[in-house]
N, C-alpha and C. Protein backbone atom coordinates (compact mmCIF):
# COMPACT_ATOMS: atom_id res chain seq x y z
N MET A 1 21.07 1.99 -12.97
CA MET A 1 20.29 1.12 -12.11
C MET A 1 19.89 1.89 -10.86
N LYS A 2 18.62 1.76 -10.46
CA LYS A 2 18.10 2.52 -9.34
C LYS A 2 18.36 1.79 -8.03
N ASN A 3 18.80 2.53 -7.03
CA ASN A 3 19.06 1.97 -5.71
C ASN A 3 17.76 2.01 -4.91
N ASN A 4 17.29 0.86 -4.44
CA ASN A 4 16.03 0.79 -3.73
C ASN A 4 16.17 0.91 -2.22
N SER A 5 17.37 1.18 -1.72
CA SER A 5 17.54 1.30 -0.28
C SER A 5 16.91 2.60 0.21
N LYS A 6 16.29 2.53 1.39
CA LYS A 6 15.66 3.71 1.96
C LYS A 6 16.73 4.60 2.57
N LYS A 7 16.59 5.89 2.34
CA LYS A 7 17.49 6.86 2.96
C LYS A 7 16.65 7.82 3.78
N ILE A 8 17.23 8.27 4.87
CA ILE A 8 16.52 9.20 5.75
C ILE A 8 17.12 10.58 5.58
N TYR A 9 16.25 11.56 5.38
CA TYR A 9 16.65 12.95 5.23
C TYR A 9 15.73 13.82 6.07
N ARG A 10 16.29 14.88 6.66
CA ARG A 10 15.48 15.87 7.37
C ARG A 10 14.66 16.63 6.34
N ASP A 11 13.42 16.93 6.67
CA ASP A 11 12.50 17.56 5.74
C ASP A 11 12.23 19.00 6.18
N PRO A 12 12.88 19.99 5.56
CA PRO A 12 12.69 21.37 5.99
C PRO A 12 11.30 21.94 5.67
N LYS A 13 10.61 21.35 4.70
CA LYS A 13 9.28 21.86 4.37
C LYS A 13 8.23 21.47 5.41
N ASN A 14 8.42 20.35 6.07
CA ASN A 14 7.44 19.86 7.05
C ASN A 14 7.98 19.90 8.47
N ARG A 15 8.87 20.80 8.75
CA ARG A 15 9.51 20.82 10.06
C ARG A 15 8.78 21.75 11.02
N ILE A 16 8.94 21.47 12.30
CA ILE A 16 8.52 22.40 13.34
C ILE A 16 9.76 22.93 14.03
N LEU A 17 10.66 22.04 14.46
CA LEU A 17 11.92 22.47 15.04
C LEU A 17 13.06 22.27 14.04
N GLY A 18 13.48 21.03 13.87
CA GLY A 18 14.61 20.77 12.99
C GLY A 18 14.31 19.84 11.84
N GLY A 19 13.11 19.27 11.80
CA GLY A 19 12.77 18.35 10.73
C GLY A 19 13.07 16.90 11.03
N VAL A 20 13.47 16.59 12.26
CA VAL A 20 13.83 15.21 12.62
C VAL A 20 12.59 14.33 12.66
N CYS A 21 11.51 14.80 13.27
CA CYS A 21 10.27 14.01 13.33
C CYS A 21 9.70 13.80 11.93
N ALA A 22 9.77 14.83 11.09
CA ALA A 22 9.30 14.69 9.71
C ALA A 22 10.16 13.68 8.95
N ALA A 23 11.46 13.65 9.25
CA ALA A 23 12.35 12.67 8.61
C ALA A 23 11.98 11.26 9.03
N LEU A 24 11.74 11.07 10.32
CA LEU A 24 11.34 9.74 10.82
C LEU A 24 10.00 9.32 10.23
N ALA A 25 9.06 10.26 10.14
CA ALA A 25 7.75 9.94 9.58
C ALA A 25 7.87 9.52 8.12
N ARG A 26 8.66 10.25 7.34
CA ARG A 26 8.84 9.91 5.93
C ARG A 26 9.53 8.56 5.80
N TYR A 27 10.53 8.30 6.62
CA TYR A 27 11.27 7.04 6.56
C TYR A 27 10.39 5.85 6.93
N LEU A 28 9.55 6.02 7.95
CA LEU A 28 8.69 4.94 8.41
C LEU A 28 7.39 4.84 7.63
N GLY A 29 7.08 5.87 6.84
CA GLY A 29 5.86 5.85 6.04
C GLY A 29 4.60 6.13 6.84
N ILE A 30 4.72 6.97 7.87
CA ILE A 30 3.56 7.31 8.69
C ILE A 30 3.39 8.83 8.70
N GLU A 31 2.30 9.28 9.28
CA GLU A 31 2.02 10.71 9.35
C GLU A 31 2.98 11.42 10.31
N ASN A 32 3.25 12.70 10.03
CA ASN A 32 4.15 13.48 10.87
C ASN A 32 3.66 13.60 12.31
N TRP A 33 2.35 13.79 12.47
CA TRP A 33 1.82 14.01 13.82
C TRP A 33 2.02 12.79 14.71
N ILE A 34 2.07 11.61 14.12
CA ILE A 34 2.27 10.40 14.93
C ILE A 34 3.68 10.39 15.53
N THR A 35 4.68 10.70 14.71
CA THR A 35 6.05 10.71 15.24
C THR A 35 6.23 11.84 16.25
N ARG A 36 5.61 12.98 16.00
CA ARG A 36 5.71 14.07 16.96
C ARG A 36 5.07 13.70 18.29
N LEU A 37 3.92 13.04 18.22
CA LEU A 37 3.25 12.59 19.43
C LEU A 37 4.10 11.58 20.19
N LEU A 38 4.74 10.66 19.48
CA LEU A 38 5.60 9.68 20.13
C LEU A 38 6.80 10.34 20.79
N VAL A 39 7.40 11.32 20.13
CA VAL A 39 8.56 12.01 20.70
C VAL A 39 8.15 12.80 21.95
N ILE A 40 7.02 13.48 21.89
CA ILE A 40 6.56 14.25 23.05
C ILE A 40 6.21 13.31 24.20
N THR A 41 5.56 12.20 23.89
CA THR A 41 5.23 11.22 24.92
C THR A 41 6.50 10.64 25.55
N ALA A 42 7.48 10.31 24.72
CA ALA A 42 8.75 9.80 25.25
C ALA A 42 9.44 10.86 26.10
N PHE A 43 9.36 12.11 25.68
CA PHE A 43 9.95 13.20 26.45
C PHE A 43 9.30 13.30 27.83
N LEU A 44 7.98 13.21 27.87
CA LEU A 44 7.26 13.37 29.14
C LEU A 44 7.45 12.19 30.09
N PHE A 45 7.57 10.97 29.54
CA PHE A 45 7.58 9.79 30.39
C PHE A 45 8.95 9.17 30.61
N THR A 46 10.01 9.70 29.99
CA THR A 46 11.32 9.05 30.17
C THR A 46 12.40 9.97 30.71
N GLY A 47 12.06 11.10 31.14
CA GLY A 47 13.08 11.94 31.72
C GLY A 47 13.56 13.04 30.81
N GLY A 48 13.09 13.14 29.63
CA GLY A 48 13.32 14.27 28.75
C GLY A 48 14.72 14.56 28.28
N PHE A 49 15.69 14.53 29.16
CA PHE A 49 17.06 14.90 28.80
C PHE A 49 17.59 14.03 27.68
N PHE A 50 17.37 12.72 27.76
CA PHE A 50 17.90 11.82 26.74
C PHE A 50 17.19 11.99 25.40
N ILE A 51 15.90 12.31 25.45
CA ILE A 51 15.15 12.55 24.21
C ILE A 51 15.65 13.82 23.54
N VAL A 52 15.87 14.87 24.31
CA VAL A 52 16.40 16.12 23.75
C VAL A 52 17.80 15.88 23.18
N LEU A 53 18.61 15.14 23.90
CA LEU A 53 19.95 14.82 23.43
C LEU A 53 19.91 14.01 22.13
N ALA A 54 19.02 13.02 22.07
CA ALA A 54 18.88 12.20 20.86
C ALA A 54 18.37 13.04 19.70
N TYR A 55 17.44 13.96 19.96
CA TYR A 55 16.90 14.83 18.91
C TYR A 55 18.00 15.73 18.34
N ILE A 56 18.79 16.31 19.22
CA ILE A 56 19.88 17.18 18.77
C ILE A 56 20.92 16.38 17.99
N ALA A 57 21.24 15.20 18.47
CA ALA A 57 22.19 14.34 17.74
C ALA A 57 21.64 13.97 16.37
N ALA A 58 20.35 13.62 16.31
CA ALA A 58 19.74 13.27 15.02
C ALA A 58 19.74 14.46 14.07
N TYR A 59 19.55 15.66 14.62
CA TYR A 59 19.58 16.86 13.79
C TYR A 59 20.93 17.02 13.09
N PHE A 60 21.99 16.74 13.80
CA PHE A 60 23.32 16.90 13.21
C PHE A 60 23.75 15.69 12.37
N ILE A 61 23.21 14.52 12.66
CA ILE A 61 23.60 13.31 11.92
C ILE A 61 22.83 13.18 10.60
N ILE A 62 21.53 13.47 10.63
CA ILE A 62 20.70 13.28 9.44
C ILE A 62 20.84 14.48 8.52
N ASP A 63 21.16 14.22 7.26
CA ASP A 63 21.29 15.28 6.28
C ASP A 63 19.93 15.82 5.86
N GLU A 64 19.94 17.06 5.37
CA GLU A 64 18.72 17.66 4.85
C GLU A 64 18.47 17.15 3.43
N ILE A 65 17.20 17.10 3.03
CA ILE A 65 16.87 16.64 1.67
C ILE A 65 17.53 17.58 0.67
N PRO A 66 18.25 17.03 -0.33
CA PRO A 66 18.84 17.89 -1.35
C PRO A 66 17.76 18.69 -2.09
N ALA A 67 18.12 19.87 -2.56
CA ALA A 67 17.15 20.76 -3.21
C ALA A 67 16.50 20.10 -4.42
N GLN A 68 17.27 19.48 -5.27
CA GLN A 68 16.74 18.79 -6.45
C GLN A 68 16.60 17.32 -6.13
N SER A 69 15.59 16.98 -5.38
CA SER A 69 15.48 15.61 -4.90
C SER A 69 14.21 14.94 -5.38
N GLU A 70 14.28 13.64 -5.54
CA GLU A 70 13.12 12.84 -5.92
C GLU A 70 12.12 12.75 -4.78
N PHE A 71 12.56 13.07 -3.54
CA PHE A 71 11.68 12.95 -2.39
C PHE A 71 10.57 14.00 -2.42
N TYR A 72 10.84 15.18 -2.97
CA TYR A 72 9.81 16.20 -3.02
C TYR A 72 8.75 15.90 -4.06
N ALA A 73 9.05 15.05 -5.03
CA ALA A 73 8.09 14.75 -6.08
C ALA A 73 6.93 13.90 -5.57
N HIS A 74 7.10 13.21 -4.47
CA HIS A 74 6.09 12.28 -3.99
C HIS A 74 5.50 12.73 -2.65
N ASN A 75 5.15 13.98 -2.57
CA ASN A 75 4.61 14.50 -1.32
C ASN A 75 3.09 14.58 -1.34
N ILE A 76 2.44 14.05 -2.37
CA ILE A 76 1.00 14.12 -2.49
C ILE A 76 0.38 12.93 -1.76
N LYS A 77 -0.62 13.20 -0.98
CA LYS A 77 -1.32 12.13 -0.27
C LYS A 77 -2.33 11.53 -1.22
N THR A 78 -2.24 10.22 -1.44
CA THR A 78 -3.04 9.60 -2.47
C THR A 78 -4.37 9.06 -1.98
N LYS A 79 -4.47 8.68 -0.75
CA LYS A 79 -5.72 8.13 -0.22
C LYS A 79 -6.64 9.27 0.19
N SER A 80 -7.93 9.08 0.00
CA SER A 80 -8.89 10.14 0.29
C SER A 80 -8.90 10.50 1.78
N TRP A 81 -8.71 9.52 2.65
CA TRP A 81 -8.72 9.81 4.08
C TRP A 81 -7.49 10.58 4.52
N GLN A 82 -6.40 10.55 3.71
CA GLN A 82 -5.20 11.30 4.05
C GLN A 82 -5.29 12.74 3.58
N SER A 83 -6.02 12.98 2.50
CA SER A 83 -6.04 14.31 1.91
C SER A 83 -7.14 15.20 2.48
N GLY A 84 -7.96 14.68 3.39
CA GLY A 84 -8.99 15.50 4.00
C GLY A 84 -10.20 15.69 3.12
N SER A 85 -10.54 14.72 2.31
CA SER A 85 -11.70 14.82 1.43
C SER A 85 -12.99 14.75 2.23
N SER A 86 -14.07 15.21 1.59
CA SER A 86 -15.38 15.13 2.23
C SER A 86 -15.89 13.69 2.19
N ALA A 87 -16.93 13.42 2.95
CA ALA A 87 -17.47 12.06 3.02
C ALA A 87 -17.98 11.55 1.67
N PRO A 88 -18.72 12.35 0.88
CA PRO A 88 -19.15 11.84 -0.43
C PRO A 88 -17.97 11.55 -1.37
N GLU A 89 -16.94 12.40 -1.33
CA GLU A 89 -15.75 12.15 -2.16
C GLU A 89 -15.05 10.87 -1.73
N MET A 90 -14.97 10.64 -0.40
CA MET A 90 -14.34 9.42 0.11
C MET A 90 -15.14 8.20 -0.32
N LEU A 91 -16.47 8.30 -0.29
CA LEU A 91 -17.32 7.18 -0.69
C LEU A 91 -17.09 6.83 -2.16
N VAL A 92 -16.99 7.84 -3.02
CA VAL A 92 -16.74 7.59 -4.44
C VAL A 92 -15.36 6.97 -4.63
N SER A 93 -14.36 7.49 -3.93
CA SER A 93 -13.00 6.97 -4.03
C SER A 93 -12.92 5.52 -3.58
N ILE A 94 -13.56 5.22 -2.47
CA ILE A 94 -13.54 3.85 -1.95
C ILE A 94 -14.28 2.90 -2.88
N SER A 95 -15.40 3.36 -3.44
CA SER A 95 -16.14 2.49 -4.37
C SER A 95 -15.32 2.20 -5.62
N HIS A 96 -14.54 3.19 -6.10
CA HIS A 96 -13.65 2.94 -7.25
C HIS A 96 -12.57 1.93 -6.89
N GLU A 97 -12.03 2.03 -5.68
CA GLU A 97 -11.01 1.07 -5.25
C GLU A 97 -11.59 -0.34 -5.15
N PHE A 98 -12.81 -0.45 -4.64
CA PHE A 98 -13.46 -1.76 -4.56
C PHE A 98 -13.75 -2.34 -5.95
N GLU A 99 -14.15 -1.49 -6.88
CA GLU A 99 -14.40 -1.96 -8.25
C GLU A 99 -13.11 -2.48 -8.88
N ALA A 100 -12.01 -1.77 -8.65
CA ALA A 100 -10.72 -2.22 -9.19
C ALA A 100 -10.30 -3.55 -8.56
N MET A 101 -10.50 -3.69 -7.25
CA MET A 101 -10.17 -4.95 -6.58
C MET A 101 -11.06 -6.08 -7.09
N ASP A 102 -12.34 -5.79 -7.32
CA ASP A 102 -13.26 -6.80 -7.82
C ASP A 102 -12.82 -7.31 -9.20
N LYS A 103 -12.36 -6.39 -10.06
CA LYS A 103 -11.87 -6.80 -11.39
C LYS A 103 -10.64 -7.69 -11.26
N LYS A 104 -9.73 -7.35 -10.37
CA LYS A 104 -8.53 -8.17 -10.17
C LYS A 104 -8.89 -9.54 -9.63
N ILE A 105 -9.80 -9.58 -8.67
CA ILE A 105 -10.20 -10.86 -8.08
C ILE A 105 -10.90 -11.73 -9.12
N THR A 106 -11.72 -11.11 -9.95
CA THR A 106 -12.40 -11.86 -11.01
C THR A 106 -11.41 -12.46 -11.99
N SER A 107 -10.38 -11.69 -12.35
CA SER A 107 -9.38 -12.23 -13.29
C SER A 107 -8.56 -13.34 -12.64
N ILE A 108 -8.25 -13.22 -11.37
CA ILE A 108 -7.53 -14.29 -10.66
C ILE A 108 -8.39 -15.54 -10.58
N GLU A 109 -9.66 -15.36 -10.26
CA GLU A 109 -10.57 -16.50 -10.17
C GLU A 109 -10.73 -17.20 -11.52
N ALA A 110 -10.79 -16.41 -12.59
CA ALA A 110 -10.91 -17.01 -13.92
C ALA A 110 -9.67 -17.83 -14.26
N TYR A 111 -8.49 -17.36 -13.87
CA TYR A 111 -7.27 -18.10 -14.14
C TYR A 111 -7.19 -19.37 -13.30
N VAL A 112 -7.52 -19.26 -12.01
CA VAL A 112 -7.40 -20.40 -11.11
C VAL A 112 -8.37 -21.53 -11.51
N THR A 113 -9.51 -21.18 -12.06
CA THR A 113 -10.47 -22.21 -12.46
C THR A 113 -10.29 -22.65 -13.92
N SER A 114 -9.25 -22.15 -14.58
CA SER A 114 -9.05 -22.49 -15.99
C SER A 114 -8.22 -23.77 -16.16
N PHE A 115 -8.27 -24.29 -17.35
CA PHE A 115 -7.49 -25.47 -17.71
C PHE A 115 -5.99 -25.14 -17.72
N ALA A 116 -5.64 -23.91 -18.11
CA ALA A 116 -4.23 -23.49 -18.16
C ALA A 116 -3.61 -23.56 -16.76
N PHE A 117 -4.34 -23.16 -15.74
CA PHE A 117 -3.82 -23.22 -14.38
C PHE A 117 -3.57 -24.67 -13.96
N LYS A 118 -4.51 -25.54 -14.29
CA LYS A 118 -4.35 -26.96 -13.94
C LYS A 118 -3.13 -27.55 -14.62
N MET A 119 -2.91 -27.19 -15.89
CA MET A 119 -1.75 -27.70 -16.62
C MET A 119 -0.45 -27.14 -16.04
N ASP A 120 -0.42 -25.84 -15.75
CA ASP A 120 0.77 -25.23 -15.15
C ASP A 120 1.10 -25.89 -13.82
N ARG A 121 0.10 -26.18 -13.02
CA ARG A 121 0.30 -26.81 -11.72
C ARG A 121 0.86 -28.23 -11.89
N GLU A 122 0.35 -28.94 -12.84
CA GLU A 122 0.85 -30.32 -13.09
C GLU A 122 2.29 -30.31 -13.57
N PHE A 123 2.63 -29.36 -14.44
CA PHE A 123 4.00 -29.31 -14.95
C PHE A 123 4.99 -28.87 -13.86
N ARG A 124 4.56 -28.04 -12.95
CA ARG A 124 5.44 -27.61 -11.85
C ARG A 124 5.68 -28.73 -10.84
N ARG A 125 4.74 -29.65 -10.72
CA ARG A 125 4.90 -30.77 -9.80
C ARG A 125 5.99 -31.71 -10.24
N ARG A 126 6.17 -31.85 -11.48
CA ARG A 126 7.09 -32.85 -12.02
C ARG A 126 8.49 -32.35 -12.05
């Protein structure tokens, strides 16, 4: 059985200093540069010493990603705007996403307007 709990690991492949910002970015599901910008901003506006102390503590507390890890398998950016695609490639990608959404919406609409939906709704009421 697979454990769905999120775990935080330092990422040595995407590190600048110790991999703590990359670990936070992976854990929160955001880009690395955003966490780095937040840490630098916090350092500049809060007195720095506590941020450096917290960074060093996080470095020693957070384990590094194991060498044979499932985390390295999912390092590909899937959205066109994340991977740095050109504008025409992004347009094609977005149009494919819209076509897929349109098909899903059409199937949902067909079900909601069907007799089967009305019967299911009546049986659930009782």
